[in-house]
């Protein structure tokens, strides 16, 4: 897992990616970290369905952690 290479504009996105990286570094398995981050997203966005939260969290983890891509991602409309 690499260092964050881009600035993440959305607070919820930044919180999810940071939490995922930290949990994985501390020894949590992928699914446990993913579930925790889905819960975290839903705390930021209680109006979000579980499926929507899972999709966004998976997209953000893939973009920022797996592919280590820079630039903006699709996602929620918050700042």
N, C-alpha and C. Protein backbone atom coordinates (compact mmCIF):
# COMPACT_ATOMS: atom_id res chain seq x y z
N UNK A 1 0.83 -1.17 0.00
CA UNK A 1 0.00 0.00 0.00
C UNK A 1 0.87 1.24 0.00
N UNK A 2 0.69 2.06 -1.02
CA UNK A 2 1.52 3.24 -1.18
C UNK A 2 1.00 4.44 -0.42
N UNK A 3 1.80 5.44 -0.40
CA UNK A 3 1.40 6.70 0.21
C UNK A 3 0.38 7.39 -0.68
N UNK A 4 -0.43 8.23 -0.08
CA UNK A 4 -1.43 8.96 -0.84
C UNK A 4 -0.73 9.93 -1.78
N UNK A 5 -1.04 9.82 -3.08
CA UNK A 5 -0.34 10.62 -4.07
C UNK A 5 -1.18 11.78 -4.59
N UNK A 6 -2.45 11.84 -4.22
CA UNK A 6 -3.29 12.92 -4.70
C UNK A 6 -4.09 13.48 -3.52
N UNK A 7 -4.51 14.71 -3.68
CA UNK A 7 -5.34 15.34 -2.67
C UNK A 7 -6.78 14.87 -2.91
N UNK A 8 -7.40 14.38 -1.86
CA UNK A 8 -8.78 13.93 -1.96
C UNK A 8 -9.68 15.04 -1.45
N UNK A 9 -10.55 15.53 -2.31
CA UNK A 9 -11.36 16.69 -1.99
C UNK A 9 -12.51 16.42 -1.04
N UNK A 10 -13.17 15.28 -1.16
CA UNK A 10 -14.32 14.99 -0.31
C UNK A 10 -13.85 14.49 1.05
N UNK A 11 -14.41 15.05 2.11
CA UNK A 11 -14.03 14.60 3.46
C UNK A 11 -14.39 13.14 3.67
N UNK A 12 -15.55 12.70 3.20
CA UNK A 12 -15.95 11.31 3.41
C UNK A 12 -15.03 10.37 2.63
N UNK A 13 -14.64 10.74 1.44
CA UNK A 13 -13.74 9.92 0.64
C UNK A 13 -12.37 9.83 1.31
N UNK A 14 -11.87 10.96 1.78
CA UNK A 14 -10.58 10.99 2.46
C UNK A 14 -10.62 10.13 3.73
N UNK A 15 -11.72 10.23 4.48
CA UNK A 15 -11.87 9.45 5.71
C UNK A 15 -11.90 7.95 5.41
N UNK A 16 -12.62 7.56 4.36
CA UNK A 16 -12.72 6.15 3.98
C UNK A 16 -11.35 5.60 3.56
N UNK A 17 -10.66 6.31 2.70
CA UNK A 17 -9.36 5.83 2.20
C UNK A 17 -8.34 5.77 3.33
N UNK A 18 -8.32 6.78 4.18
CA UNK A 18 -7.39 6.80 5.31
C UNK A 18 -7.69 5.65 6.27
N UNK A 19 -8.95 5.46 6.59
CA UNK A 19 -9.34 4.38 7.50
C UNK A 19 -8.98 3.02 6.92
N UNK A 20 -9.24 2.83 5.63
CA UNK A 20 -8.92 1.55 5.00
C UNK A 20 -7.42 1.27 5.09
N UNK A 21 -6.63 2.24 4.71
CA UNK A 21 -5.17 2.06 4.76
C UNK A 21 -4.69 1.76 6.18
N UNK A 22 -5.20 2.52 7.14
CA UNK A 22 -4.79 2.33 8.53
C UNK A 22 -5.20 0.96 9.05
N UNK A 23 -6.42 0.55 8.78
CA UNK A 23 -6.89 -0.75 9.24
C UNK A 23 -6.08 -1.89 8.64
N UNK A 24 -5.79 -1.79 7.36
CA UNK A 24 -4.99 -2.84 6.70
C UNK A 24 -3.57 -2.87 7.27
N UNK A 25 -3.00 -1.70 7.52
CA UNK A 25 -1.66 -1.63 8.07
C UNK A 25 -1.61 -2.20 9.48
N UNK A 26 -2.70 -2.07 10.21
CA UNK A 26 -2.76 -2.59 11.58
C UNK A 26 -3.14 -4.06 11.65
N UNK A 27 -3.36 -4.68 10.49
CA UNK A 27 -3.57 -6.12 10.44
C UNK A 27 -4.98 -6.60 10.17
N UNK A 28 -5.92 -5.71 9.96
CA UNK A 28 -7.28 -6.14 9.61
C UNK A 28 -7.27 -6.75 8.22
N UNK A 29 -8.09 -7.78 8.04
CA UNK A 29 -8.18 -8.35 6.70
C UNK A 29 -9.00 -7.43 5.80
N UNK A 30 -8.95 -7.70 4.52
CA UNK A 30 -9.59 -6.83 3.53
C UNK A 30 -11.08 -6.65 3.80
N UNK A 31 -11.79 -7.74 4.05
CA UNK A 31 -13.23 -7.66 4.22
C UNK A 31 -13.61 -6.89 5.48
N UNK A 32 -12.89 -7.10 6.55
CA UNK A 32 -13.18 -6.36 7.78
C UNK A 32 -12.95 -4.86 7.58
N UNK A 33 -11.84 -4.51 6.93
CA UNK A 33 -11.55 -3.11 6.66
C UNK A 33 -12.62 -2.51 5.73
N UNK A 34 -13.02 -3.25 4.72
CA UNK A 34 -14.04 -2.78 3.79
C UNK A 34 -15.37 -2.54 4.51
N UNK A 35 -15.78 -3.47 5.36
CA UNK A 35 -17.03 -3.32 6.10
C UNK A 35 -16.98 -2.12 7.05
N UNK A 36 -15.86 -1.94 7.71
CA UNK A 36 -15.70 -0.79 8.60
C UNK A 36 -15.80 0.51 7.82
N UNK A 37 -15.19 0.55 6.65
CA UNK A 37 -15.22 1.76 5.82
C UNK A 37 -16.61 2.02 5.25
N UNK A 38 -17.34 0.97 4.95
CA UNK A 38 -18.72 1.14 4.50
C UNK A 38 -19.56 1.76 5.62
N UNK A 39 -19.36 1.29 6.83
CA UNK A 39 -20.05 1.87 7.99
C UNK A 39 -19.65 3.32 8.17
N UNK A 40 -18.37 3.62 8.04
CA UNK A 40 -17.89 4.99 8.17
C UNK A 40 -18.55 5.89 7.12
N UNK A 41 -18.62 5.43 5.89
CA UNK A 41 -19.27 6.22 4.85
C UNK A 41 -20.73 6.51 5.22
N UNK A 42 -21.42 5.50 5.74
CA UNK A 42 -22.83 5.67 6.08
C UNK A 42 -23.02 6.58 7.28
N UNK A 43 -22.00 6.74 8.11
CA UNK A 43 -22.06 7.73 9.19
C UNK A 43 -22.02 9.13 8.58
N UNK A 44 -21.17 9.32 7.58
CA UNK A 44 -21.11 10.61 6.88
C UNK A 44 -22.37 10.85 6.05
N UNK A 45 -22.95 9.77 5.52
CA UNK A 45 -24.11 9.86 4.62
C UNK A 45 -25.18 8.86 5.04
N UNK A 46 -25.93 9.16 6.11
CA UNK A 46 -26.96 8.22 6.56
C UNK A 46 -28.08 8.01 5.55
N UNK A 47 -28.21 8.91 4.60
CA UNK A 47 -29.25 8.77 3.57
C UNK A 47 -28.88 7.74 2.51
N UNK A 48 -27.64 7.32 2.51
CA UNK A 48 -27.14 6.38 1.50
C UNK A 48 -27.61 4.95 1.79
N UNK A 49 -27.96 4.24 0.73
CA UNK A 49 -28.30 2.83 0.90
C UNK A 49 -27.02 2.03 1.12
N UNK A 50 -27.15 0.85 1.68
CA UNK A 50 -25.99 0.00 1.90
C UNK A 50 -25.31 -0.34 0.58
N UNK A 51 -26.09 -0.62 -0.46
CA UNK A 51 -25.50 -0.93 -1.77
C UNK A 51 -24.73 0.25 -2.35
N UNK A 52 -25.28 1.45 -2.22
CA UNK A 52 -24.58 2.63 -2.72
C UNK A 52 -23.28 2.84 -1.95
N UNK A 53 -23.33 2.69 -0.64
CA UNK A 53 -22.13 2.85 0.18
C UNK A 53 -21.06 1.82 -0.21
N UNK A 54 -21.46 0.59 -0.39
CA UNK A 54 -20.50 -0.46 -0.79
C UNK A 54 -19.87 -0.14 -2.14
N UNK A 55 -20.68 0.32 -3.08
CA UNK A 55 -20.16 0.63 -4.42
C UNK A 55 -19.14 1.76 -4.36
N UNK A 56 -19.46 2.83 -3.65
CA UNK A 56 -18.55 3.97 -3.57
C UNK A 56 -17.26 3.61 -2.82
N UNK A 57 -17.39 2.91 -1.71
CA UNK A 57 -16.21 2.53 -0.94
C UNK A 57 -15.31 1.63 -1.79
N UNK A 58 -15.89 0.67 -2.49
CA UNK A 58 -15.10 -0.21 -3.35
C UNK A 58 -14.41 0.59 -4.46
N UNK A 59 -15.13 1.54 -5.05
CA UNK A 59 -14.56 2.37 -6.11
C UNK A 59 -13.39 3.20 -5.58
N UNK A 60 -13.56 3.80 -4.41
CA UNK A 60 -12.51 4.64 -3.84
C UNK A 60 -11.29 3.83 -3.44
N UNK A 61 -11.50 2.66 -2.85
CA UNK A 61 -10.37 1.80 -2.47
C UNK A 61 -9.63 1.36 -3.72
N UNK A 62 -10.38 0.96 -4.73
CA UNK A 62 -9.74 0.54 -5.98
C UNK A 62 -8.94 1.69 -6.59
N UNK A 63 -9.51 2.86 -6.63
CA UNK A 63 -8.86 4.01 -7.26
C UNK A 63 -7.61 4.44 -6.50
N UNK A 64 -7.76 4.68 -5.20
CA UNK A 64 -6.68 5.27 -4.41
C UNK A 64 -5.67 4.27 -3.86
N UNK A 65 -6.12 3.07 -3.51
CA UNK A 65 -5.25 2.10 -2.85
C UNK A 65 -4.72 1.05 -3.82
N UNK A 66 -5.62 0.42 -4.55
CA UNK A 66 -5.20 -0.67 -5.44
C UNK A 66 -4.44 -0.12 -6.65
N UNK A 67 -5.05 0.83 -7.37
CA UNK A 67 -4.40 1.36 -8.57
C UNK A 67 -3.48 2.54 -8.30
N UNK A 68 -3.57 3.09 -7.07
CA UNK A 68 -2.78 4.27 -6.69
C UNK A 68 -2.90 5.39 -7.72
N UNK A 69 -4.12 5.57 -8.22
CA UNK A 69 -4.39 6.58 -9.25
C UNK A 69 -4.56 7.95 -8.62
N UNK A 70 -4.18 8.97 -9.34
CA UNK A 70 -4.40 10.34 -8.91
C UNK A 70 -5.65 10.87 -9.56
N UNK A 71 -6.00 12.05 -9.19
CA UNK A 71 -7.15 12.70 -9.82
C UNK A 71 -8.45 12.37 -9.14
N UNK A 72 -9.49 13.05 -9.57
CA UNK A 72 -10.80 12.90 -8.93
C UNK A 72 -11.46 11.57 -9.27
N UNK A 73 -12.41 11.19 -8.44
CA UNK A 73 -13.19 9.98 -8.68
C UNK A 73 -14.67 10.36 -8.76
N UNK A 74 -15.46 9.46 -9.28
CA UNK A 74 -16.91 9.61 -9.21
C UNK A 74 -17.31 9.42 -7.76
N UNK A 75 -18.45 9.87 -7.40
CA UNK A 75 -18.87 9.63 -6.03
C UNK A 75 -19.99 10.54 -5.61
N UNK A 76 -20.05 10.76 -4.33
CA UNK A 76 -21.11 11.58 -3.77
C UNK A 76 -20.89 13.04 -4.14
N UNK A 77 -21.90 13.85 -3.92
CA UNK A 77 -21.84 15.26 -4.33
C UNK A 77 -21.35 16.19 -3.24
N UNK A 78 -20.94 15.65 -2.11
CA UNK A 78 -20.50 16.52 -1.02
C UNK A 78 -19.07 17.04 -1.26
N UNK A 79 -18.71 18.06 -0.50
CA UNK A 79 -17.36 18.63 -0.63
C UNK A 79 -16.44 18.13 0.45
